[in-house]
Amino acid sequence: MKKLSFILHQMIPLEFDMDDPSEEDIHYVFAVRDYDHNSYRWGCWITSQTISYVIADEQMDFDSEWIAQAEDGLPVVILALYQKYTCLRFNQLITDVSTQNTKTLKSLKQLMLNFKAFGTVAPANLSRWDNVRQIYRYLMDVNGVNGALEDIVDKLNILAAHQEAVEQTLCYGQSRS
């Protein structure tokens, strides 16, 4: 399964045998071993741009496999990408905001805190299935979501310090008038 899913990821014919150590941003996840068949039901490679599945289905029921992937796999991908692109959007908003406008800073800070508290999901809280959590964890890893979330926290701290400094300057300036 590992070899087949890697070949699928490479989009090369199945009869080729290929190994590419330059692709260090890929991760492999597989299903629980089926002891009756002495094999794994599925395996997949995860990269920042693709998830390449190989599924062992004796009936070759592609329609049901598409439905299962849409129900089980797609939400995990969407969740990881939602978090990634929300962090990118916050970076853009931070760049565009005037650091002297305390009302806008407070509003942005509140949006970022709400996202951090309610818009993110840790892999441990996603599923009871370890392989689903692994897929999600790897998606988060290869897309840099955890680093982007940490960046949000750092920027929140910077915004809070800057906001406090601006408010102190405003209060100090008003008390002297």
Protein backbone atom coordinates (compact mmCIF):
# COMPACT_ATOMS: atom_id res chain seq x y z
CA MET A 1 0.00 0.00 0.00
CA LYS A 2 2.80 2.39 0.83
CA LYS A 3 4.53 1.83 -2.50
CA LEU A 4 1.28 2.04 -4.47
CA SER A 5 0.14 5.26 -2.81
CA PHE A 6 3.58 6.82 -3.37
CA ILE A 7 3.49 5.86 -7.07
CA LEU A 8 0.01 7.37 -7.28
CA HIS A 9 1.32 10.52 -5.60
CA GLN A 10 4.08 10.66 -8.24
CA MET A 11 1.51 10.02 -11.01
CA ILE A 12 3.69 7.39 -12.67
CA PRO A 13 2.74 3.95 -14.03
CA LEU A 14 2.27 1.24 -11.39
CA GLU A 15 5.05 -0.93 -12.80
CA PHE A 16 7.69 1.72 -12.00
CA ASP A 17 9.66 1.46 -8.81
CA MET A 18 10.56 4.90 -7.53
CA ASP A 19 11.95 6.44 -4.39
CA ASP A 20 12.39 10.19 -4.02
CA PRO A 21 14.14 11.25 -0.82
CA SER A 22 13.88 14.91 -1.88
CA GLU A 23 10.23 14.93 -0.91
CA GLU A 24 10.56 15.35 2.81
CA ASP A 25 7.23 17.10 3.24
CA ILE A 26 5.23 13.94 2.61
CA HIS A 27 3.76 11.65 5.22
CA TYR A 28 2.26 8.17 4.98
CA VAL A 29 -0.83 7.00 6.88
CA PHE A 30 -2.52 3.62 6.60
CA ALA A 31 -5.56 1.79 7.94
CA VAL A 32 -5.59 -0.75 10.72
CA ARG A 33 -4.31 -4.13 9.59
CA ASP A 34 -6.98 -6.60 8.49
CA TYR A 35 -5.79 -9.90 9.96
CA ASP A 36 -8.28 -11.96 7.92
CA HIS A 37 -6.69 -10.75 4.67
CA ASN A 38 -3.21 -10.10 6.12
CA SER A 39 -3.19 -6.62 4.61
CA TYR A 40 -4.21 -3.01 5.09
CA ARG A 41 -7.46 -1.73 3.58
CA TRP A 42 -6.05 1.64 2.54
CA GLY A 43 -2.96 3.80 2.60
CA CYS A 44 -2.29 7.41 1.66
CA TRP A 45 0.48 9.94 1.12
CA ILE A 46 -0.15 13.45 2.40
CA THR A 47 1.55 16.52 0.98
CA SER A 48 0.77 20.21 1.15
CA GLN A 49 -1.13 19.93 -2.13
CA THR A 50 -2.42 16.36 -2.38
CA ILE A 51 -3.67 13.33 -0.55
CA SER A 52 -3.11 10.21 -2.64
CA TYR A 53 -5.18 7.23 -1.50
CA VAL A 54 -4.90 3.58 -2.47
CA ILE A 55 -7.85 1.52 -1.35
CA ALA A 56 -8.09 -2.28 -1.37
CA ASP A 57 -11.69 -3.03 -2.24
CA GLU A 58 -12.46 -6.53 -3.51
CA GLN A 59 -15.70 -5.34 -5.10
CA MET A 60 -13.98 -2.30 -6.67
CA ASP A 61 -16.98 -0.22 -5.67
CA PHE A 62 -15.60 3.19 -6.63
CA ASP A 63 -18.88 5.02 -6.04
CA SER A 64 -19.04 4.00 -2.38
CA GLU A 65 -15.35 4.81 -1.93
CA TRP A 66 -15.91 8.32 -3.38
CA ILE A 67 -18.80 8.82 -0.95
CA ALA A 68 -16.74 7.54 1.99
CA GLN A 69 -13.86 9.88 1.12
CA ALA A 70 -16.25 12.81 0.74
CA GLU A 71 -17.74 12.06 4.15
CA ASP A 72 -14.56 11.11 6.04
CA GLY A 73 -11.56 12.67 4.30
CA LEU A 74 -12.76 15.90 2.75
CA PRO A 75 -13.94 17.60 5.98
CA VAL A 76 -10.51 17.02 7.53
CA VAL A 77 -8.79 18.65 4.54
CA ILE A 78 -11.22 21.57 4.54
CA LEU A 79 -10.73 22.12 8.28
CA ALA A 80 -6.93 22.22 7.96
CA LEU A 81 -7.07 24.57 4.97
CA TYR A 82 -9.65 26.80 6.68
CA GLN A 83 -7.26 27.28 9.58
CA LYS A 84 -4.31 27.92 7.27
CA TYR A 85 -6.06 30.53 5.14
CA THR A 86 -7.68 32.22 8.14
CA CYS A 87 -4.20 32.73 9.58
CA LEU A 88 -3.05 34.17 6.25
CA ARG A 89 -6.05 36.51 6.26
CA PHE A 90 -5.19 37.71 9.76
CA ASN A 91 -1.63 38.42 8.61
CA GLN A 92 -3.05 40.58 5.83
CA LEU A 93 -5.39 42.40 8.21
CA ILE A 94 -2.58 43.07 10.67
CA THR A 95 -0.45 44.51 7.89
CA ASP A 96 -3.26 46.80 6.74
CA VAL A 97 -4.43 48.07 10.13
CA SER A 98 -3.37 51.46 11.43
CA THR A 99 -1.51 50.93 14.69
CA GLN A 100 -2.86 54.22 16.05
CA ASN A 101 -6.52 53.22 15.71
CA THR A 102 -7.21 51.53 19.07
CA LYS A 103 -10.80 50.63 18.19
CA THR A 104 -9.67 48.70 15.08
CA LEU A 105 -6.85 47.05 17.05
CA LYS A 106 -9.27 45.93 19.76
CA SER A 107 -11.67 44.55 17.16
CA LEU A 108 -8.90 42.67 15.33
CA LYS A 109 -7.51 41.37 18.59
CA GLN A 110 -10.96 40.07 19.56
CA LEU A 111 -11.40 38.38 16.15
CA MET A 112 -8.01 36.69 16.49
CA LEU A 113 -8.72 35.53 20.04
CA ASN A 114 -12.10 34.12 18.99
CA PHE A 115 -10.48 32.27 16.10
CA LYS A 116 -7.76 30.86 18.33
CA ALA A 117 -10.34 29.76 20.92
CA PHE A 118 -13.19 28.53 18.71
CA GLY A 119 -11.94 28.29 15.12
CA THR A 120 -9.16 25.77 15.64
CA VAL A 121 -9.27 22.06 16.37
CA ALA A 122 -6.40 20.07 17.83
CA PRO A 123 -5.79 16.63 16.27
CA ALA A 124 -6.52 14.93 19.59
CA ASN A 125 -10.03 16.40 19.56
CA LEU A 126 -10.87 15.51 15.97
CA SER A 127 -11.69 11.81 15.93
CA ARG A 128 -11.55 8.65 17.94
CA TRP A 129 -9.62 7.01 15.09
CA ASP A 130 -5.87 7.42 15.31
CA ASN A 131 -5.29 7.22 11.55
CA VAL A 132 -7.80 10.06 10.97
CA ARG A 133 -6.01 12.12 13.62
CA GLN A 134 -2.69 11.32 11.89
CA ILE A 135 -3.98 12.48 8.52
CA TYR A 136 -5.20 15.71 10.08
CA ARG A 137 -1.95 16.17 12.06
CA TYR A 138 0.09 15.71 8.89
CA LEU A 139 -2.14 18.09 6.93
CA MET A 140 -1.61 20.68 9.66
CA ASP A 141 2.14 20.01 9.56
CA VAL A 142 2.76 20.16 5.81
CA ASN A 143 0.61 23.28 5.47
CA GLY A 144 2.36 25.06 8.33
CA VAL A 145 -0.86 25.63 10.25
CA ASN A 146 0.65 25.17 13.71
CA GLY A 147 3.37 27.72 12.95
CA ALA A 148 0.78 30.12 11.59
CA LEU A 149 -1.32 29.69 14.74
CA GLU A 150 1.75 30.39 16.90
CA ASP A 151 2.40 33.46 14.76
CA ILE A 152 -1.15 34.63 15.51
CA VAL A 153 -0.49 34.31 19.26
CA ASP A 154 2.78 36.26 18.89
CA LYS A 155 1.02 38.98 16.94
CA LEU A 156 -1.76 39.09 19.52
CA ASN A 157 0.85 39.74 22.19
CA ILE A 158 2.49 42.44 20.08
CA LEU A 159 -0.90 44.04 19.37
CA ALA A 160 -1.79 43.98 23.06
CA ALA A 161 1.50 45.62 24.03
CA HIS A 162 1.15 48.23 21.28
CA GLN A 163 -2.48 48.88 22.18
CA GLU A 164 -1.51 49.40 25.81
CA ALA A 165 1.27 51.81 24.81
CA VAL A 166 -1.08 53.82 22.57
CA GLU A 167 -3.74 54.00 25.29
CA GLN A 168 -1.17 55.13 27.86
CA THR A 169 0.07 57.81 25.46
CA LEU A 170 -3.49 58.98 24.88
CA CYS A 171 -4.28 59.02 28.60
CA TYR A 172 -1.00 60.76 29.43
CA GLY A 173 -1.54 63.29 26.65
CA GLN A 174 -5.09 64.06 27.84
CA SER A 175 -4.08 64.46 31.48
CA ARG A 176 -1.49 67.09 30.53
CA SER A 177 -4.04 69.15 28.59
